Structure formats: C-alpha cells, structure tokens
Amino acid sequence: MAILTNADKARLAVIKSHFNDTITLAGVAGIGIQEAVNAIKKVLEETIIALGEDGKSALIKSQQPIKMIHEAVKTSFISNGVRPDLIKPELGQSAGELKLAGFLKKKNQDICILPNNEVPNLEILTDGLLSGESDLFGHSLTEKILSVNVRSQLSSLGNNIDTLYERTFAEAMNLHMRCKQMVLGEVYMIPVYEYNKHQAQINNVAWTTNQSPILTYIKAFSAINDRLSILSDDYKYERVCLLVVDFSKPIPKIYNTDAELKADNLIPQNATVSINNLNFPTFTSELLRAYSTRFGVSRFS
C-alpha cells in the first residue's frame, strides 16, 4: 500500500495538475488519444522520479491517469457528430457520472451519451437484487443510453487477467440482462512493458524486460467484442477497444493494427487473432453505427 507523507501528497498534487492543465488548455477542442497517453507517460515518470514506487501507486489509485482516456473518448465521440451537451460527464469534467441500474446492481458509468428524444421516467424495480429500489431514469431511457467504461492495467498483467476479465464480462451482463438493446463500449488500456517497480523504488524510470501477454489479451477481448444480437450474448460489448501502448518509447506508441504488432514482434507472425477490430480509431464510430442500427439516426445530434 502506498503511504505518502502530507508533503509527498502535496507534491503529487502538483505533478498531477498537468492533467487538468492539459484538459483546460484544450478547451472545447478536447484531446486526442495520443495527447492523452503522452500526458500519462509524463506524469507517471515525473511521479516515479519525485516520489518513487509509492508515489506511482498512489497516482494510479487516484484514477487521474485514466481520466485522460475518458477525455479522449469524449473528444472522439464529438468529432463523430455527437452533441457535446448529451455526453455525461461533459467534456473536461469528471463529476456527473450517471448511475445506471442493471439486473444485479446500480453502477456509475464512466461515459454516457443521452438520446435527444427520451426523458427520465422514475421506475420502481421489480426484478433481481434491486427489487423495490427506485430507478431515476427508467428502463426506456436506460436502454437508449450509450455507455462506455474505461479501465487500465499498468502492472501485474499476467497475474490479474482472470479477475479483471471476469469483472469486465460481468459489467456487460449486468446491463444487458435488463436492457437487451443497450449499446455498450469498453476501453481497456495495457502497456507493452510494465514500469519496473524495483527501479521505481529507487526513483529510477525503467521497464520490465518481459513483454505483457498481448496475445492473451487480444484473444480475451475479441471473445467479448462485436455483440450483434439483442437476443443473446449478454456478456459481450457492442464494441471493445484494447488500447495497447508502449510507454517505454520517448513518445508512447499506440498499436492499432496486426501489422504494427507483428513488425515489433509483439505477437507471432502466424497469429490468427486480430486487434484490427479492437483499435481506438474506429471505436466510437462503430459504437455509433451499432446505435443507429438499433435506435435510428440523429439521436445524438
């Protein structure tokens, strides 16, 4: 567990302010995915140099780095025609997440897009563990909200994949069991090389020599990607983005194609699974396409 003194906490707050500065400077233009990962690398490494492994752990636990990916996703939606005020939390904001009711539980969603033709309708839930509780939005609106959640795993990738995958699997199940037509997205960021925690303990920025199990992650997320039927596959997402980033490079490299991964020997040349349908450039456009197929066009304009 990261234990920081009050002085260290104050120092970390100053380092983390780069995130807010980046978002503020971008304004209504928002930030792209490359700018987001650049900021994450900068703040992570400044934190390691100043505060070591405990500082890095505290930074990651604060969720501030992943908020940059949230902003990049929102920016991408807006560039694809979504009206900014329909996005919750709005661009540049982290407060205001919507807490949506599924079959098993209510949970805050990282990013929601509200349709322009629906209004909330208070409903008392009658099924599952939430029976008897109030749903402020109601089934009709909830089902027509496009929801995206964003996660990252920057350490212990080989050890935690089962637990984290089960959690991702369950999130889609929870909402799709209640709202069969709901369009869900998931962004999951992993590094090619993890930051070396032993070097971080002595305030050195270095990386492990072993590559992350990228092929395993591609297989896992391909299996829950591209939900087409509203009658089955509740565990799937309409679109998943596996964001593979090499933070060891001076400018972080994002891998969007099989060819890029193979060129850097990150997956076997004869690999049959593909990241091409899990990449960021097509993530929001594919979600919007899936939404239009189910609910019609111009719902987010």
Protein backbone atom coordinates (compact mmCIF):
# COMPACT_ATOMS: atom_id res chain seq x y z
CA MET A 1 0.00 0.00 0.00
CA ALA A 2 1.29 3.44 -0.95
CA ILE A 3 1.85 5.56 2.15
CA LEU A 4 2.75 9.17 1.45
CA THR A 5 3.52 11.96 3.87
CA ASN A 6 1.45 15.11 3.67
CA ALA A 7 4.37 16.80 1.94
CA ASP A 8 4.54 13.99 -0.62
CA LYS A 9 0.79 14.20 -1.19
CA ALA A 10 1.14 17.91 -1.88
CA ARG A 11 3.99 17.23 -4.28
CA LEU A 12 1.93 14.59 -6.08
CA ALA A 13 -0.95 17.03 -6.42
CA VAL A 14 1.37 19.49 -8.16
CA ILE A 15 2.61 16.81 -10.57
CA LYS A 16 -0.94 15.62 -11.28
CA SER A 17 -2.02 19.16 -12.11
CA HIS A 18 -0.52 18.58 -15.57
CA PHE A 19 -3.60 16.50 -16.37
CA ASN A 20 -6.02 19.33 -15.58
CA ASP A 21 -3.77 21.85 -17.31
CA THR A 22 -3.80 19.73 -20.47
CA ILE A 23 -7.59 19.40 -20.41
CA THR A 24 -8.11 23.11 -19.67
CA LEU A 25 -5.73 24.21 -22.41
CA ALA A 26 -7.51 22.00 -24.95
CA GLY A 27 -10.87 23.58 -24.15
CA VAL A 28 -13.78 22.66 -26.40
CA ALA A 29 -11.40 21.07 -28.92
CA GLY A 30 -10.77 18.23 -26.47
CA ILE A 31 -7.74 15.97 -26.51
CA GLY A 32 -6.79 13.15 -28.83
CA ILE A 33 -5.74 9.70 -27.72
CA GLN A 34 -2.07 10.36 -28.45
CA GLU A 35 -2.12 13.51 -26.34
CA ALA A 36 -3.79 11.52 -23.56
CA VAL A 37 -1.14 8.79 -23.42
CA ASN A 38 1.63 11.41 -23.72
CA ALA A 39 0.28 13.11 -20.59
CA ILE A 40 0.00 9.79 -18.76
CA LYS A 41 3.64 8.95 -19.51
CA LYS A 42 4.85 12.40 -18.45
CA VAL A 43 3.02 12.38 -15.12
CA LEU A 44 3.84 8.74 -14.31
CA GLU A 45 7.54 9.27 -14.88
CA GLU A 46 7.73 12.59 -13.06
CA THR A 47 6.00 10.89 -10.14
CA ILE A 48 8.46 7.98 -10.11
CA ILE A 49 11.43 10.36 -10.11
CA ALA A 50 9.97 12.51 -7.34
CA LEU A 51 8.11 10.00 -5.18
CA GLY A 52 9.19 6.51 -6.20
CA GLU A 53 7.01 3.41 -6.33
CA ASP A 54 4.71 4.60 -3.53
CA GLY A 55 4.03 7.78 -5.47
CA LYS A 56 3.34 5.81 -8.66
CA SER A 57 0.92 3.52 -6.84
CA ALA A 58 -0.87 6.49 -5.28
CA LEU A 59 -1.11 8.19 -8.66
CA ILE A 60 -2.66 5.14 -10.33
CA LYS A 61 -5.03 4.60 -7.40
CA SER A 62 -6.24 8.20 -7.75
CA GLN A 63 -7.71 7.32 -11.17
CA GLN A 64 -6.34 10.57 -12.57
CA PRO A 65 -4.35 8.95 -15.39
CA ILE A 66 -7.32 7.02 -16.77
CA LYS A 67 -9.41 10.21 -16.78
CA MET A 68 -7.27 11.33 -19.71
CA ILE A 69 -8.53 8.36 -21.72
CA HIS A 70 -12.09 9.36 -20.77
CA GLU A 71 -11.44 12.78 -22.30
CA ALA A 72 -10.04 11.27 -25.49
CA VAL A 73 -13.11 9.05 -25.85
CA LYS A 74 -15.45 12.02 -25.38
CA THR A 75 -13.45 14.03 -27.92
CA SER A 76 -13.72 11.19 -30.41
CA PHE A 77 -17.50 11.00 -29.98
CA ILE A 78 -17.80 14.74 -30.56
CA SER A 79 -15.64 14.55 -33.68
CA ASN A 80 -18.07 11.90 -34.93
CA GLY A 81 -21.04 14.23 -34.59
CA VAL A 82 -22.25 13.76 -31.02
CA ARG A 83 -23.65 16.92 -29.44
CA PRO A 84 -21.33 17.78 -26.53
CA ASP A 85 -24.09 18.51 -24.01
CA LEU A 86 -25.50 14.99 -24.44
CA ILE A 87 -22.29 13.48 -23.04
CA LYS A 88 -22.18 12.87 -19.29
CA PRO A 89 -19.89 13.86 -17.67
CA GLU A 90 -19.38 16.64 -20.20
CA LEU A 91 -16.07 17.24 -21.94
CA GLY A 92 -13.46 18.45 -19.47
CA GLN A 93 -15.48 17.29 -16.46
CA SER A 94 -15.12 14.20 -14.27
CA ALA A 95 -18.08 14.81 -11.96
CA GLY A 96 -21.57 13.93 -13.10
CA GLU A 97 -21.34 10.23 -13.94
CA LEU A 98 -24.73 8.56 -14.37
CA LYS A 99 -25.54 5.66 -12.06
CA LEU A 100 -27.48 3.17 -14.16
CA ALA A 101 -29.46 0.21 -12.90
CA GLY A 102 -28.80 -3.21 -14.36
CA PHE A 103 -30.19 -6.58 -13.32
CA LEU A 104 -27.83 -7.11 -10.39
CA LYS A 105 -26.69 -3.67 -9.32
CA LYS A 106 -26.51 0.05 -9.95
CA LYS A 107 -23.15 1.36 -11.09
CA ASN A 108 -21.69 4.68 -12.17
CA GLN A 109 -20.84 4.65 -15.87
CA ASP A 110 -17.66 6.41 -16.96
CA ILE A 111 -19.17 7.97 -20.08
CA CYS A 112 -22.82 8.09 -21.12
CA ILE A 113 -24.48 9.63 -24.15
CA LEU A 114 -28.12 10.56 -23.67
CA PRO A 115 -30.52 10.38 -26.63
CA ASN A 116 -32.23 13.62 -27.63
CA ASN A 117 -35.68 12.01 -27.84
CA GLU A 118 -36.11 10.44 -24.38
CA VAL A 119 -36.74 11.79 -20.89
CA PRO A 120 -36.27 10.16 -17.48
CA ASN A 121 -39.23 8.27 -16.04
CA LEU A 122 -38.99 7.15 -12.42
CA GLU A 123 -39.47 3.41 -12.11
CA ILE A 124 -39.60 1.01 -9.17
CA LEU A 125 -37.53 -2.05 -9.99
CA THR A 126 -39.21 -5.43 -9.60
CA ASP A 127 -36.54 -7.97 -10.56
CA GLY A 128 -33.26 -9.24 -9.18
CA LEU A 129 -31.31 -7.87 -6.25
CA LEU A 130 -32.59 -4.35 -6.89
CA SER A 131 -36.26 -5.27 -6.48
CA GLY A 132 -38.06 -2.46 -4.67
CA GLU A 133 -35.43 0.20 -5.41
CA SER A 134 -36.02 3.33 -7.47
CA ASP A 135 -34.53 3.85 -10.92
CA LEU A 136 -34.47 7.58 -11.65
CA PHE A 137 -34.04 7.06 -15.40
CA GLY A 138 -36.43 4.18 -16.08
CA HIS A 139 -35.99 1.23 -18.43
CA SER A 140 -36.80 3.03 -21.68
CA LEU A 141 -34.21 5.78 -21.24
CA THR A 142 -31.57 3.49 -19.71
CA GLU A 143 -31.77 1.13 -22.68
CA LYS A 144 -31.26 4.03 -25.10
CA ILE A 145 -28.21 5.44 -23.30
CA LEU A 146 -24.90 4.61 -24.97
CA SER A 147 -22.47 3.75 -22.19
CA VAL A 148 -18.69 3.36 -22.24
CA ASN A 149 -16.45 2.29 -19.38
CA VAL A 150 -12.70 2.77 -19.33
CA ARG A 151 -10.13 0.70 -17.47
CA SER A 152 -6.39 0.20 -17.43
CA GLN A 153 -3.98 -2.35 -16.05
CA LEU A 154 -0.48 -0.94 -15.75
CA SER A 155 1.05 -3.68 -13.59
CA SER A 156 0.78 -7.42 -12.88
CA LEU A 157 -0.84 -8.05 -16.24
CA GLY A 158 -0.08 -11.74 -16.24
CA ASN A 159 -1.38 -12.32 -12.71
CA ASN A 160 -4.69 -10.49 -12.71
CA ILE A 161 -6.17 -11.16 -16.14
CA ASP A 162 -8.73 -13.73 -14.95
CA THR A 163 -10.13 -11.50 -12.22
CA LEU A 164 -10.17 -8.37 -14.35
CA TYR A 165 -11.68 -10.20 -17.32
CA GLU A 166 -14.46 -11.62 -15.16
CA ARG A 167 -15.24 -8.12 -13.93
CA THR A 168 -15.40 -6.78 -17.48
CA PHE A 169 -17.56 -9.73 -18.52
CA ALA A 170 -19.95 -9.13 -15.60
CA GLU A 171 -20.41 -5.40 -16.31
CA ALA A 172 -21.92 -6.12 -19.73
CA MET A 173 -24.04 -8.96 -18.35
CA ASN A 174 -25.49 -6.74 -15.64
CA LEU A 175 -26.79 -4.12 -18.07
CA HIS A 176 -27.71 -6.36 -20.99
CA MET A 177 -29.75 -8.72 -18.79
CA ARG A 178 -32.07 -5.80 -18.05
CA CYS A 179 -31.67 -3.73 -21.22
CA LYS A 180 -31.23 -6.10 -24.16
CA GLN A 181 -30.80 -3.41 -26.81
CA MET A 182 -28.38 -1.23 -24.86
CA VAL A 183 -25.18 -0.29 -26.71
CA LEU A 184 -22.10 -0.74 -24.54
CA GLY A 185 -18.44 0.02 -25.11
CA GLU A 186 -15.30 -0.81 -23.17
CA VAL A 187 -11.82 0.70 -23.43
CA TYR A 188 -9.06 -1.31 -21.78
CA MET A 189 -5.51 0.05 -21.78
CA ILE A 190 -2.46 -2.15 -21.25
CA PRO A 191 1.25 -1.35 -21.60
CA VAL A 192 3.63 -3.33 -23.78
CA TYR A 193 6.16 -3.22 -20.94
CA GLU A 194 5.33 -2.55 -17.32
CA TYR A 195 7.22 0.06 -15.33
CA ASN A 196 9.84 -1.73 -13.22
CA LYS A 197 8.65 -1.39 -9.63
CA HIS A 198 12.05 -2.29 -8.15
CA GLN A 199 13.71 0.54 -10.06
CA ALA A 200 10.82 2.84 -9.19
CA GLN A 201 11.54 2.19 -5.52
CA ILE A 202 14.86 3.98 -6.00
CA ASN A 203 13.29 6.70 -8.15
CA ASN A 204 14.51 5.35 -11.48
CA VAL A 205 12.29 5.15 -14.55
CA ALA A 206 12.79 1.74 -16.16
CA TRP A 207 10.72 -1.05 -17.64
CA THR A 208 10.49 -4.78 -17.18
CA THR A 209 12.21 -6.85 -19.85
CA ASN A 210 9.27 -9.21 -20.31
CA GLN A 211 6.52 -8.17 -22.66
CA SER A 212 2.95 -8.13 -21.46
CA PRO A 213 0.81 -11.11 -22.64
CA ILE A 214 -0.67 -9.10 -25.50
CA LEU A 215 -1.84 -12.11 -27.50
CA THR A 216 -3.78 -13.39 -24.48
CA TYR A 217 -5.49 -10.03 -24.07
CA ILE A 218 -6.40 -9.88 -27.76
CA LYS A 219 -7.94 -13.35 -27.55
CA ALA A 220 -9.85 -12.47 -24.39
CA PHE A 221 -11.29 -9.19 -25.59
CA SER A 222 -12.06 -10.48 -29.08
CA ALA A 223 -14.32 -13.04 -27.40
CA ILE A 224 -16.49 -10.32 -25.84
CA ASN A 225 -16.41 -7.88 -28.76
CA ASP A 226 -18.92 -7.11 -31.51
CA ARG A 227 -22.28 -8.04 -29.98
CA LEU A 228 -24.76 -8.17 -32.84
CA SER A 229 -27.82 -9.97 -31.48
CA ILE A 230 -30.09 -8.41 -28.87
CA LEU A 231 -31.43 -11.88 -28.08
CA SER A 232 -28.19 -13.39 -26.80
CA ASP A 233 -24.55 -12.76 -25.91
CA ASP A 234 -25.39 -10.51 -22.96
CA TYR A 235 -21.76 -10.83 -21.83
CA LYS A 236 -20.48 -9.11 -24.96
CA TYR A 237 -19.97 -5.44 -25.72
CA GLU A 238 -21.11 -3.83 -28.91
CA ARG A 239 -17.52 -2.64 -29.25
CA VAL A 240 -14.34 -3.15 -27.23
CA CYS A 241 -11.12 -1.17 -27.61
CA LEU A 242 -7.93 -2.85 -26.44
CA LEU A 243 -5.54 0.08 -26.19
CA VAL A 244 -2.01 -1.35 -26.37
CA VAL A 245 0.60 1.31 -25.57
CA ASP A 246 4.39 1.16 -25.43
CA PHE A 247 5.26 3.72 -22.76
CA SER A 248 8.95 2.81 -22.95
CA LYS A 249 9.33 4.81 -26.16
CA PRO A 250 10.10 8.55 -25.94
CA ILE A 251 6.69 9.20 -27.46
CA PRO A 252 4.27 6.45 -26.42
CA LYS A 253 3.34 4.21 -29.33
CA ILE A 254 -0.25 3.07 -29.75
CA TYR A 255 -0.76 -0.16 -31.68
CA ASN A 256 -3.79 -0.16 -33.95
CA THR A 257 -3.10 -3.00 -36.39
CA ASP A 258 -1.83 -6.56 -36.52
CA ALA A 259 0.90 -5.42 -38.90
CA GLU A 260 2.23 -2.94 -36.33
CA LEU A 261 2.26 -5.57 -33.58
CA LYS A 262 3.98 -8.13 -35.79
CA ALA A 263 6.55 -5.61 -37.02
CA ASP A 264 7.65 -5.06 -33.41
CA ASN A 265 7.47 -8.80 -32.59
CA LEU A 266 4.70 -8.30 -30.05
CA ILE A 267 2.55 -11.10 -31.47
CA PRO A 268 3.61 -14.12 -33.57
CA GLN A 269 3.78 -13.69 -37.32
CA ASN A 270 1.26 -16.52 -37.70
CA ALA A 271 -1.17 -15.19 -35.10
CA THR A 272 -4.78 -15.78 -36.12
CA VAL A 273 -6.44 -13.41 -33.67
CA SER A 274 -6.61 -9.75 -34.63
CA ILE A 275 -6.52 -6.35 -32.96
CA ASN A 276 -7.85 -4.67 -36.12
CA ASN A 277 -11.41 -4.69 -34.78
CA LEU A 278 -10.32 -3.69 -31.28
CA ASN A 279 -8.49 -0.47 -32.10
CA PHE A 280 -9.19 3.08 -30.99
CA PRO A 281 -9.52 4.88 -34.36
CA THR A 282 -12.75 3.02 -35.20
CA PHE A 283 -14.07 2.59 -31.65
CA THR A 284 -16.58 5.44 -31.33
CA SER A 285 -17.71 5.35 -34.96
CA GLU A 286 -18.53 1.64 -34.66
CA LEU A 287 -20.48 2.21 -31.45
CA LEU A 288 -22.46 4.98 -33.12
CA ARG A 289 -23.13 2.75 -36.12
CA ALA A 290 -24.43 -0.01 -33.83
CA TYR A 291 -26.61 2.52 -32.03
CA SER A 292 -28.09 3.87 -35.27
CA THR A 293 -28.93 0.34 -36.39
CA ARG A 294 -30.95 -0.26 -33.21
CA PHE A 295 -32.48 3.10 -32.47
CA GLY A 296 -32.29 5.16 -35.65
CA VAL A 297 -30.12 8.06 -36.78
CA SER A 298 -29.75 11.59 -35.40
CA ARG A 299 -30.37 10.60 -31.78
CA PHE A 300 -27.19 12.32 -30.58
CA SER A 301 -27.29 15.50 -32.66
